[in-house]
Amino acid sequence: MSVIQPQLRPLQQFFRSGPMPCPYLPGRVERKLFTRLLGPYSAEVNSTLSRAGFRRSHDIVYRPVCPNCQACVPVRIPVGAFAPTRSQKRVRRANGDLTLAEAPAAATTEQYRLFSLYQNSRHGESDMARMAMADFAAMIDEGRADTSLFEARDAEGRLVGCMLTDRLTDGYSAVYSFYDPRQDRRSLGSFMILSLLERAQADGLPYVYLGYWIAQSRKMAYKAKFRPLEALGRDGWFPLPNDPED
């Protein structure tokens, strides 16, 4: 009688980055614990690590391990309990003319033009504002783990918003979004998250993961507007207070 050995999975190797200036809080030092998404188990690893507070960028999944700082708080929205505010309801009405469609995770020149417009308007001094088309394509293509793009278009078919999204075993992870900065009245960033919440509800998925909330960072403050919001602490996920300090 022959014995078939069970399939062995490769070990997931983790690394720690060197110290770098924090991009969110001036004067602080950033370090990350990270691993790469490689092989057939990428989607499974991405789901498991997302529940543990990690975040994906390209083919890297990371979590801050900064010395003497715990400002980065992993957060997620429990889809079934989410209750839109009056302001968020107005956002939905203001964008009633838009359509949202899921597209394969493949970069297009149309997306890149919108990405460049967004970066130059909102983050002109960042490294991302200097990304060429090849860099943008790498951001979309590298590390795909059940990944897709959600595109928002107006009545004329123009692309006005885009969100790179990973489908996890228990929800969606909003990896990165960009939109037309000339249409401030639409609040397109909030619209994209609200739309992802609707998609998660339709698909029966319990959570939408938003990455890190940083109370002292204006760039991250918008995440606290989605209620209820859960945060990851030492004892697991817990609901944030209704009025966190910004």
C-alpha atoms as a PDB file:
ATOM      1  CA  MET A   1       0.000   0.000   0.000  1.00  0.00           C
ATOM      2  CA  SER A   2       1.381   3.395  -0.977  1.00  0.00           C
ATOM      3  CA  VAL A   3       1.140   6.421   1.244  1.00  0.00           C
ATOM      4  CA  ILE A   4       0.532   9.768  -0.426  1.00  0.00           C
ATOM      5  CA  GLN A   5       2.227  12.535   1.472  1.00  0.00           C
ATOM      6  CA  PRO A   6       0.040  15.571   2.184  1.00  0.00           C
ATOM      7  CA  GLN A   7       0.868  18.634   0.168  1.00  0.00           C
ATOM      8  CA  LEU A   8       3.325  20.849   1.993  1.00  0.00           C
ATOM      9  CA  ARG A   9       2.809  24.581   1.842  1.00  0.00           C
ATOM     10  CA  PRO A  10       5.834  26.852   1.748  1.00  0.00           C
ATOM     11  CA  LEU A  11       6.619  28.861   4.859  1.00  0.00           C
ATOM     12  CA  GLN A  12       5.576  32.506   4.774  1.00  0.00           C
ATOM     13  CA  GLN A  13       8.665  34.593   5.440  1.00  0.00           C
ATOM     14  CA  PHE A  14       8.351  37.934   7.224  1.00  0.00           C
ATOM     15  CA  PHE A  15      10.830  40.797   7.292  1.00  0.00           C
ATOM     16  CA  ARG A  16      11.201  44.082   9.137  1.00  0.00           C
ATOM     17  CA  SER A  17      12.037  47.271   7.302  1.00  0.00           C
ATOM     18  CA  GLY A  18      14.637  49.786   8.393  1.00  0.00           C
ATOM     19  CA  PRO A  19      13.615  53.094   9.968  1.00  0.00           C
ATOM     20  CA  MET A  20      12.146  55.736   7.663  1.00  0.00           C
ATOM     21  CA  PRO A  21      10.403  59.095   8.226  1.00  0.00           C
ATOM     22  CA  CYS A  22       6.698  58.639   8.906  1.00  0.00           C
ATOM     23  CA  PRO A  23       4.624  59.887   5.918  1.00  0.00           C
ATOM     24  CA  TYR A  24       1.690  60.851   8.161  1.00  0.00           C
ATOM     25  CA  LEU A  25       3.034  62.262  11.419  1.00  0.00           C
ATOM     26  CA  PRO A  26       5.992  64.658  11.176  1.00  0.00           C
ATOM     27  CA  GLY A  27       8.965  63.901  13.361  1.00  0.00           C
ATOM     28  CA  ARG A  28       8.112  60.228  13.863  1.00  0.00           C
ATOM     29  CA  VAL A  29       9.898  57.123  12.597  1.00  0.00           C
ATOM     30  CA  GLU A  30       8.198  54.371  10.624  1.00  0.00           C
ATOM     31  CA  ARG A  31       9.094  50.670  10.549  1.00  0.00           C
ATOM     32  CA  LYS A  32       7.094  47.858   8.964  1.00  0.00           C
ATOM     33  CA  LEU A  33       6.689  44.118   9.325  1.00  0.00           C
ATOM     34  CA  PHE A  34       6.058  42.746   5.840  1.00  0.00           C
ATOM     35  CA  THR A  35       5.863  39.703   3.609  1.00  0.00           C
ATOM     36  CA  ARG A  36       5.395  39.133  -0.109  1.00  0.00           C
ATOM     37  CA  LEU A  37       2.370  37.629  -1.821  1.00  0.00           C
ATOM     38  CA  LEU A  38       3.660  34.860  -4.053  1.00  0.00           C
ATOM     39  CA  GLY A  39       2.244  31.664  -5.488  1.00  0.00           C
ATOM     40  CA  PRO A  40      -1.180  30.017  -5.477  1.00  0.00           C
ATOM     41  CA  TYR A  41      -1.988  30.874  -1.848  1.00  0.00           C
ATOM     42  CA  SER A  42      -1.779  34.659  -2.268  1.00  0.00           C
ATOM     43  CA  ALA A  43      -5.500  35.323  -1.846  1.00  0.00           C
ATOM     44  CA  GLU A  44      -5.706  33.107   1.244  1.00  0.00           C
ATOM     45  CA  VAL A  45      -2.648  34.737   2.823  1.00  0.00           C
ATOM     46  CA  ASN A  46      -3.996  38.194   2.010  1.00  0.00           C
ATOM     47  CA  SER A  47      -7.332  37.389   3.689  1.00  0.00           C
ATOM     48  CA  THR A  48      -5.695  35.950   6.801  1.00  0.00           C
ATOM     49  CA  LEU A  49      -3.293  38.853   7.223  1.00  0.00           C
ATOM     50  CA  SER A  50      -5.986  41.460   6.565  1.00  0.00           C
ATOM     51  CA  ARG A  51      -7.916  40.086   9.537  1.00  0.00           C
ATOM     52  CA  ALA A  52      -4.690  40.484  11.526  1.00  0.00           C
ATOM     53  CA  GLY A  53      -4.391  44.171  10.641  1.00  0.00           C
ATOM     54  CA  PHE A  54      -2.088  43.992   7.618  1.00  0.00           C
ATOM     55  CA  ARG A  55      -2.438  46.085   4.468  1.00  0.00           C
ATOM     56  CA  ARG A  56      -1.505  45.302   0.843  1.00  0.00           C
ATOM     57  CA  SER A  57       0.552  47.498  -1.491  1.00  0.00           C
ATOM     58  CA  HIS A  58       1.712  45.929  -4.763  1.00  0.00           C
ATOM     59  CA  ASP A  59       2.897  42.418  -3.799  1.00  0.00           C
ATOM     60  CA  ILE A  60       3.788  43.460  -0.249  1.00  0.00           C
ATOM     61  CA  VAL A  61       1.510  42.938   2.759  1.00  0.00           C
ATOM     62  CA  TYR A  62       2.653  44.996   5.727  1.00  0.00           C
ATOM     63  CA  ARG A  63       1.817  46.193   9.208  1.00  0.00           C
ATOM     64  CA  PRO A  64       3.473  49.077  11.097  1.00  0.00           C
ATOM     65  CA  VAL A  65       5.755  48.079  13.972  1.00  0.00           C
ATOM     66  CA  CYS A  66       6.948  51.573  14.771  1.00  0.00           C
ATOM     67  CA  PRO A  67       8.984  52.147  17.954  1.00  0.00           C
ATOM     68  CA  ASN A  68       7.031  53.938  20.689  1.00  0.00           C
ATOM     69  CA  CYS A  69       4.035  54.642  18.440  1.00  0.00           C
ATOM     70  CA  GLN A  70       0.673  52.924  17.928  1.00  0.00           C
ATOM     71  CA  ALA A  71      -1.009  55.709  15.965  1.00  0.00           C
ATOM     72  CA  CYS A  72      -1.910  53.474  12.987  1.00  0.00           C
ATOM     73  CA  VAL A  73      -5.096  51.610  13.918  1.00  0.00           C
ATOM     74  CA  PRO A  74      -6.484  48.939  11.548  1.00  0.00           C
ATOM     75  CA  VAL A  75     -10.197  49.589  10.954  1.00  0.00           C
ATOM     76  CA  ARG A  76     -13.082  47.881   9.190  1.00  0.00           C
ATOM     77  CA  ILE A  77     -16.787  48.581   8.706  1.00  0.00           C
ATOM     78  CA  PRO A  78     -19.281  45.871   9.793  1.00  0.00           C
ATOM     79  CA  VAL A  79     -21.535  45.894   6.751  1.00  0.00           C
ATOM     80  CA  GLY A  80     -24.714  44.663   8.430  1.00  0.00           C
ATOM     81  CA  ALA A  81     -24.598  47.318  11.154  1.00  0.00           C
ATOM     82  CA  PHE A  82     -23.558  50.260   8.962  1.00  0.00           C
ATOM     83  CA  ALA A  83     -25.948  53.201   9.134  1.00  0.00           C
ATOM     84  CA  PRO A  84     -25.305  56.090   6.710  1.00  0.00           C
ATOM     85  CA  THR A  85     -25.390  59.583   8.135  1.00  0.00           C
ATOM     86  CA  ARG A  86     -27.465  62.386   6.630  1.00  0.00           C
ATOM     87  CA  SER A  87     -24.322  63.655   4.941  1.00  0.00           C
ATOM     88  CA  GLN A  88     -23.587  60.253   3.425  1.00  0.00           C
ATOM     89  CA  LYS A  89     -27.152  59.987   2.179  1.00  0.00           C
ATOM     90  CA  ARG A  90     -26.643  63.329   0.440  1.00  0.00           C
ATOM     91  CA  VAL A  91     -23.482  61.945  -1.154  1.00  0.00           C
ATOM     92  CA  ARG A  92     -25.461  59.030  -2.560  1.00  0.00           C
ATOM     93  CA  ARG A  93     -28.100  61.372  -3.974  1.00  0.00           C
ATOM     94  CA  ALA A  94     -25.473  63.720  -5.425  1.00  0.00           C
ATOM     95  CA  ASN A  95     -23.979  60.801  -7.353  1.00  0.00           C
ATOM     96  CA  GLY A  96     -27.203  59.202  -8.467  1.00  0.00           C
ATOM     97  CA  ASP A  97     -26.200  59.798 -12.081  1.00  0.00           C
ATOM     98  CA  LEU A  98     -23.059  57.671 -11.758  1.00  0.00           C
ATOM     99  CA  THR A  99     -22.772  53.992 -12.585  1.00  0.00           C
ATOM    100  CA  LEU A 100     -20.334  51.638 -10.844  1.00  0.00           C
ATOM    101  CA  ALA A 101     -18.956  48.623 -12.665  1.00  0.00           C
ATOM    102  CA  GLU A 102     -16.398  45.988 -11.746  1.00  0.00           C
ATOM    103  CA  ALA A 103     -13.484  45.631 -14.146  1.00  0.00           C
ATOM    104  CA  PRO A 104     -10.490  43.261 -14.296  1.00  0.00           C
ATOM    105  CA  ALA A 105      -7.357  44.369 -12.449  1.00  0.00           C
ATOM    106  CA  ALA A 106      -5.587  45.596 -15.589  1.00  0.00           C
ATOM    107  CA  ALA A 107      -4.310  49.159 -15.969  1.00  0.00           C
ATOM    108  CA  THR A 108      -5.577  51.364 -18.798  1.00  0.00           C
ATOM    109  CA  THR A 109      -4.400  54.726 -20.083  1.00  0.00           C
ATOM    110  CA  GLU A 110      -7.787  56.182 -19.130  1.00  0.00           C
ATOM    111  CA  GLN A 111      -7.265  55.131 -15.518  1.00  0.00           C
ATOM    112  CA  TYR A 112      -3.710  56.442 -15.529  1.00  0.00           C
ATOM    113  CA  ARG A 113      -4.812  59.879 -16.743  1.00  0.00           C
ATOM    114  CA  LEU A 114      -7.321  60.092 -13.902  1.00  0.00           C
ATOM    115  CA  PHE A 115      -4.738  58.788 -11.402  1.00  0.00           C
ATOM    116  CA  SER A 116      -2.200  61.423 -12.511  1.00  0.00           C
ATOM    117  CA  LEU A 117      -4.792  64.188 -12.310  1.00  0.00           C
ATOM    118  CA  TYR A 118      -5.694  63.111  -8.781  1.00  0.00           C
ATOM    119  CA  GLN A 119      -2.105  62.789  -7.581  1.00  0.00           C
ATOM    120  CA  ASN A 120      -0.959  66.121  -9.001  1.00  0.00           C
ATOM    121  CA  SER A 121      -3.934  67.876  -7.435  1.00  0.00           C
ATOM    122  CA  ARG A 122      -3.969  66.217  -3.998  1.00  0.00           C
ATOM    123  CA  HIS A 123      -0.467  64.797  -3.454  1.00  0.00           C
ATOM    124  CA  GLY A 124       1.766  66.766  -5.774  1.00  0.00           C
ATOM    125  CA  GLU A 125       4.895  66.382  -3.642  1.00  0.00           C
ATOM    126  CA  SER A 126       4.558  62.618  -3.115  1.00  0.00           C
ATOM    127  CA  ASP A 127       6.441  59.887  -4.964  1.00  0.00           C
ATOM    128  CA  MET A 128       3.153  58.634  -6.412  1.00  0.00           C
ATOM    129  CA  ALA A 129       2.708  61.916  -8.289  1.00  0.00           C
ATOM    130  CA  ARG A 130       5.846  61.035 -10.271  1.00  0.00           C
ATOM    131  CA  MET A 131       4.664  57.569 -11.282  1.00  0.00           C
ATOM    132  CA  ALA A 132       4.825  56.788 -14.991  1.00  0.00           C
ATOM    133  CA  MET A 133       2.324  54.554 -16.786  1.00  0.00           C
ATOM    134  CA  ALA A 134       4.571  51.519 -16.183  1.00  0.00           C
ATOM    135  CA  ASP A 135       4.667  52.281 -12.443  1.00  0.00           C
ATOM    136  CA  PHE A 136       0.898  52.618 -12.331  1.00  0.00           C
ATOM    137  CA  ALA A 137       0.468  49.328 -14.196  1.00  0.00           C
ATOM    138  CA  ALA A 138       2.762  47.633 -11.679  1.00  0.00           C
ATOM    139  CA  MET A 139       0.660  48.976  -8.791  1.00  0.00           C
ATOM    140  CA  ILE A 140      -2.433  47.404 -10.352  1.00  0.00           C
ATOM    141  CA  ASP A 141      -0.831  44.149 -11.513  1.00  0.00           C
ATOM    142  CA  GLU A 142       1.629  43.173  -8.777  1.00  0.00           C
ATOM    143  CA  GLY A 143       0.342  41.080  -5.897  1.00  0.00           C
ATOM    144  CA  ARG A 144      -3.132  40.537  -7.275  1.00  0.00           C
ATOM    145  CA  ALA A 145      -5.123  38.414  -4.845  1.00  0.00           C
ATOM    146  CA  ASP A 146      -8.724  38.078  -6.066  1.00  0.00           C
ATOM    147  CA  THR A 147      -8.338  41.719  -7.094  1.00  0.00           C
ATOM    148  CA  SER A 148     -10.550  43.907  -9.255  1.00  0.00           C
ATOM    149  CA  LEU A 149     -11.156  47.543 -10.090  1.00  0.00           C
ATOM    150  CA  PHE A 150     -14.450  49.337  -9.508  1.00  0.00           C
ATOM    151  CA  GLU A 151     -14.959  52.157 -11.994  1.00  0.00           C
ATOM    152  CA  ALA A 152     -17.415  55.020 -11.531  1.00  0.00           C
ATOM    153  CA  ARG A 153     -18.620  56.739 -14.710  1.00  0.00           C
ATOM    154  CA  ASP A 154     -20.910  59.661 -15.374  1.00  0.00           C
ATOM    155  CA  ALA A 155     -23.846  59.755 -17.771  1.00  0.00           C
ATOM    156  CA  GLU A 156     -21.489  60.519 -20.686  1.00  0.00           C
ATOM    157  CA  GLY A 157     -19.346  57.500 -19.883  1.00  0.00           C
ATOM    158  CA  ARG A 158     -16.419  59.498 -18.500  1.00  0.00           C
ATOM    159  CA  LEU A 159     -14.349  57.810 -15.790  1.00  0.00           C
ATOM    160  CA  VAL A 160     -14.596  59.912 -12.619  1.00  0.00           C
ATOM    161  CA  GLY A 161     -13.518  57.460  -9.913  1.00  0.00           C
ATOM    162  CA  CYS A 162     -11.675  54.181  -9.510  1.00  0.00           C
ATOM    163  CA  MET A 163     -11.015  51.839  -6.572  1.00  0.00           C
ATOM    164  CA  LEU A 164      -8.540  48.961  -6.490  1.00  0.00           C
ATOM    165  CA  THR A 165     -10.164  46.274  -4.354  1.00  0.00           C
ATOM    166  CA  ASP A 166      -9.302  42.829  -2.974  1.00  0.00           C
ATOM    167  CA  ARG A 167     -12.061  40.354  -2.248  1.00  0.00           C
ATOM    168  CA  LEU A 168     -11.303  38.591   1.033  1.00  0.00           C
ATOM    169  CA  THR A 169     -12.979  35.550   2.568  1.00  0.00           C
ATOM    170  CA  ASP A 170     -14.910  37.838   4.925  1.00  0.00           C
ATOM    171  CA  GLY A 171     -15.241  41.065   2.978  1.00  0.00           C
ATOM    172  CA  TYR A 172     -13.638  43.582   0.660  1.00  0.00           C
ATOM    173  CA  SER A 173     -10.407  45.460   1.214  1.00  0.00           C
ATOM    174  CA  ALA A 174     -10.297  48.959  -0.269  1.00  0.00           C
ATOM    175  CA  VAL A 175      -6.654  48.945  -1.406  1.00  0.00           C
ATOM    176  CA  TYR A 176      -6.464  52.328  -3.150  1.00  0.00           C
ATOM    177  CA  SER A 177      -8.871  54.804  -4.700  1.00  0.00           C
ATOM    178  CA  PHE A 178      -8.508  57.889  -6.861  1.00  0.00           C
ATOM    179  CA  TYR A 179     -11.002  60.201  -8.509  1.00  0.00           C
ATOM    180  CA  ASP A 180     -11.540  63.458 -10.376  1.00  0.00           C
ATOM    181  CA  PRO A 181     -10.394  66.200  -7.965  1.00  0.00           C
ATOM    182  CA  ARG A 182     -12.283  68.853  -9.934  1.00  0.00           C
ATOM    183  CA  GLN A 183     -15.620  67.425  -8.745  1.00  0.00           C
ATOM    184  CA  ASP A 184     -15.342  68.181  -5.035  1.00  0.00           C
ATOM    185  CA  ARG A 185     -19.080  68.566  -4.590  1.00  0.00           C
ATOM    186  CA  ARG A 186     -19.585  64.906  -5.344  1.00  0.00           C
ATOM    187  CA  SER A 187     -17.381  63.691  -2.422  1.00  0.00           C
ATOM    188  CA  LEU A 188     -16.244  60.886  -4.703  1.00  0.00           C
ATOM    189  CA  GLY A 189     -13.979  59.281  -2.099  1.00  0.00           C
ATOM    190  CA  SER A 190     -16.935  58.729   0.224  1.00  0.00           C
ATOM    191  CA  PHE A 191     -19.095  57.641  -2.697  1.00  0.00           C
ATOM    192  CA  MET A 192     -16.630  54.888  -3.603  1.00  0.00           C
ATOM    193  CA  ILE A 193     -16.633  53.511  -0.051  1.00  0.00           C
ATOM    194  CA  LEU A 194     -20.431  53.674   0.164  1.00  0.00           C
ATOM    195  CA  SER A 195     -20.654  51.810  -3.134  1.00  0.00           C
ATOM    196  CA  LEU A 196     -18.253  49.137  -1.894  1.00  0.00           C
ATOM    197  CA  LEU A 197     -20.408  48.716   1.213  1.00  0.00           C
ATOM    198  CA  GLU A 198     -23.436  48.152  -1.011  1.00  0.00           C
ATOM    199  CA  ARG A 199     -21.516  45.588  -3.053  1.00  0.00           C
ATOM    200  CA  ALA A 200     -20.393  43.752   0.096  1.00  0.00           C
ATOM    201  CA  GLN A 201     -23.980  43.669   1.366  1.00  0.00           C
ATOM    202  CA  ALA A 202     -25.211  42.302  -1.965  1.00  0.00           C
ATOM    203  CA  ASP A 203     -22.497  39.619  -1.897  1.00  0.00           C
ATOM    204  CA  GLY A 204     -23.228  38.656   1.713  1.00  0.00           C
ATOM    205  CA  LEU A 205     -19.793  39.701   2.957  1.00  0.00           C
ATOM    206  CA  PRO A 206     -19.646  41.044   6.534  1.00  0.00           C
ATOM    207  CA  TYR A 207     -16.809  43.591   6.388  1.00  0.00           C
ATOM    208  CA  VAL A 208     -15.169  46.341   4.372  1.00  0.00           C
ATOM    209  CA  TYR A 209     -11.549  46.877   5.404  1.00  0.00           C
ATOM    210  CA  LEU A 210     -10.274  50.458   5.170  1.00  0.00           C
ATOM    211  CA  GLY A 211      -6.664  50.014   6.240  1.00  0.00           C
ATOM    212  CA  TYR A 212      -5.295  52.335   8.911  1.00  0.00           C
ATOM    213  CA  TRP A 213      -7.029  55.144  10.742  1.00  0.00           C
ATOM    214  CA  ILE A 214      -4.730  57.748  12.284  1.00  0.00           C
ATOM    215  CA  ALA A 215      -6.541  60.138  14.599  1.00  0.00           C
ATOM    216  CA  GLN A 216      -3.870  62.852  14.275  1.00  0.00           C
ATOM    217  CA  SER A 217      -3.709  62.707  10.466  1.00  0.00           C
ATOM    218  CA  ARG A 218      -6.124  64.771   8.385  1.00  0.00           C
ATOM    219  CA  LYS A 219      -5.505  62.419   5.441  1.00  0.00           C
ATOM    220  CA  MET A 220      -6.926  59.515   7.436  1.00  0.00           C
ATOM    221  CA  ALA A 221      -9.633  61.298   9.442  1.00  0.00           C
ATOM    222  CA  TYR A 222     -12.373  60.562   6.875  1.00  0.00           C
ATOM    223  CA  LYS A 223     -12.442  56.889   7.865  1.00  0.00           C
ATOM    224  CA  ALA A 224     -13.944  57.726  11.259  1.00  0.00           C
ATOM    225  CA  LYS A 225     -17.048  59.093   9.499  1.00  0.00           C
ATOM    226  CA  PHE A 226     -18.237  55.581   8.637  1.00  0.00           C
ATOM    227  CA  ARG A 227     -20.184  54.168  11.585  1.00  0.00           C
ATOM    228  CA  PRO A 228     -20.080  51.822  13.278  1.00  0.00           C
ATOM    229  CA  LEU A 229     -16.367  51.274  12.820  1.00  0.00           C
ATOM    230  CA  GLU A 230     -14.328  48.453  14.305  1.00  0.00           C
ATOM    231  CA  ALA A 231     -10.662  48.715  15.288  1.00  0.00           C
ATOM    232  CA  LEU A 232      -8.095  46.006  15.931  1.00  0.00           C
ATOM    233  CA  GLY A 233      -6.465  45.996  19.349  1.00  0.00           C
ATOM    234  CA  ARG A 234      -4.501  43.574  21.496  1.00  0.00           C
ATOM    235  CA  ASP A 235      -7.636  41.572  22.325  1.00  0.00           C
ATOM    236  CA  GLY A 236      -9.056  41.492  18.792  1.00  0.00           C
ATOM    237  CA  TRP A 237     -11.549  43.632  16.905  1.00  0.00           C
ATOM    238  CA  PHE A 238     -13.718  46.000  18.931  1.00  0.00           C
ATOM    239  CA  PRO A 239     -16.135  48.872  18.149  1.00  0.00           C
ATOM    240  CA  LEU A 240     -14.630  52.343  18.221  1.00  0.00           C
ATOM    241  CA  PRO A 241     -16.409  54.923  20.389  1.00  0.00           C
ATOM    242  CA  ASN A 242     -19.015  56.939  18.578  1.00  0.00           C
ATOM    243  CA  ASP A 243     -17.007  60.148  18.744  1.00  0.00           C
ATOM    244  CA  PRO A 244     -13.269  59.357  18.464  1.00  0.00           C
ATOM    245  CA  GLU A 245     -10.873  62.206  19.020  1.00  0.00           C
ATOM    246  CA  ASP A 246      -9.708  63.670  15.707  1.00  0.00           C
END
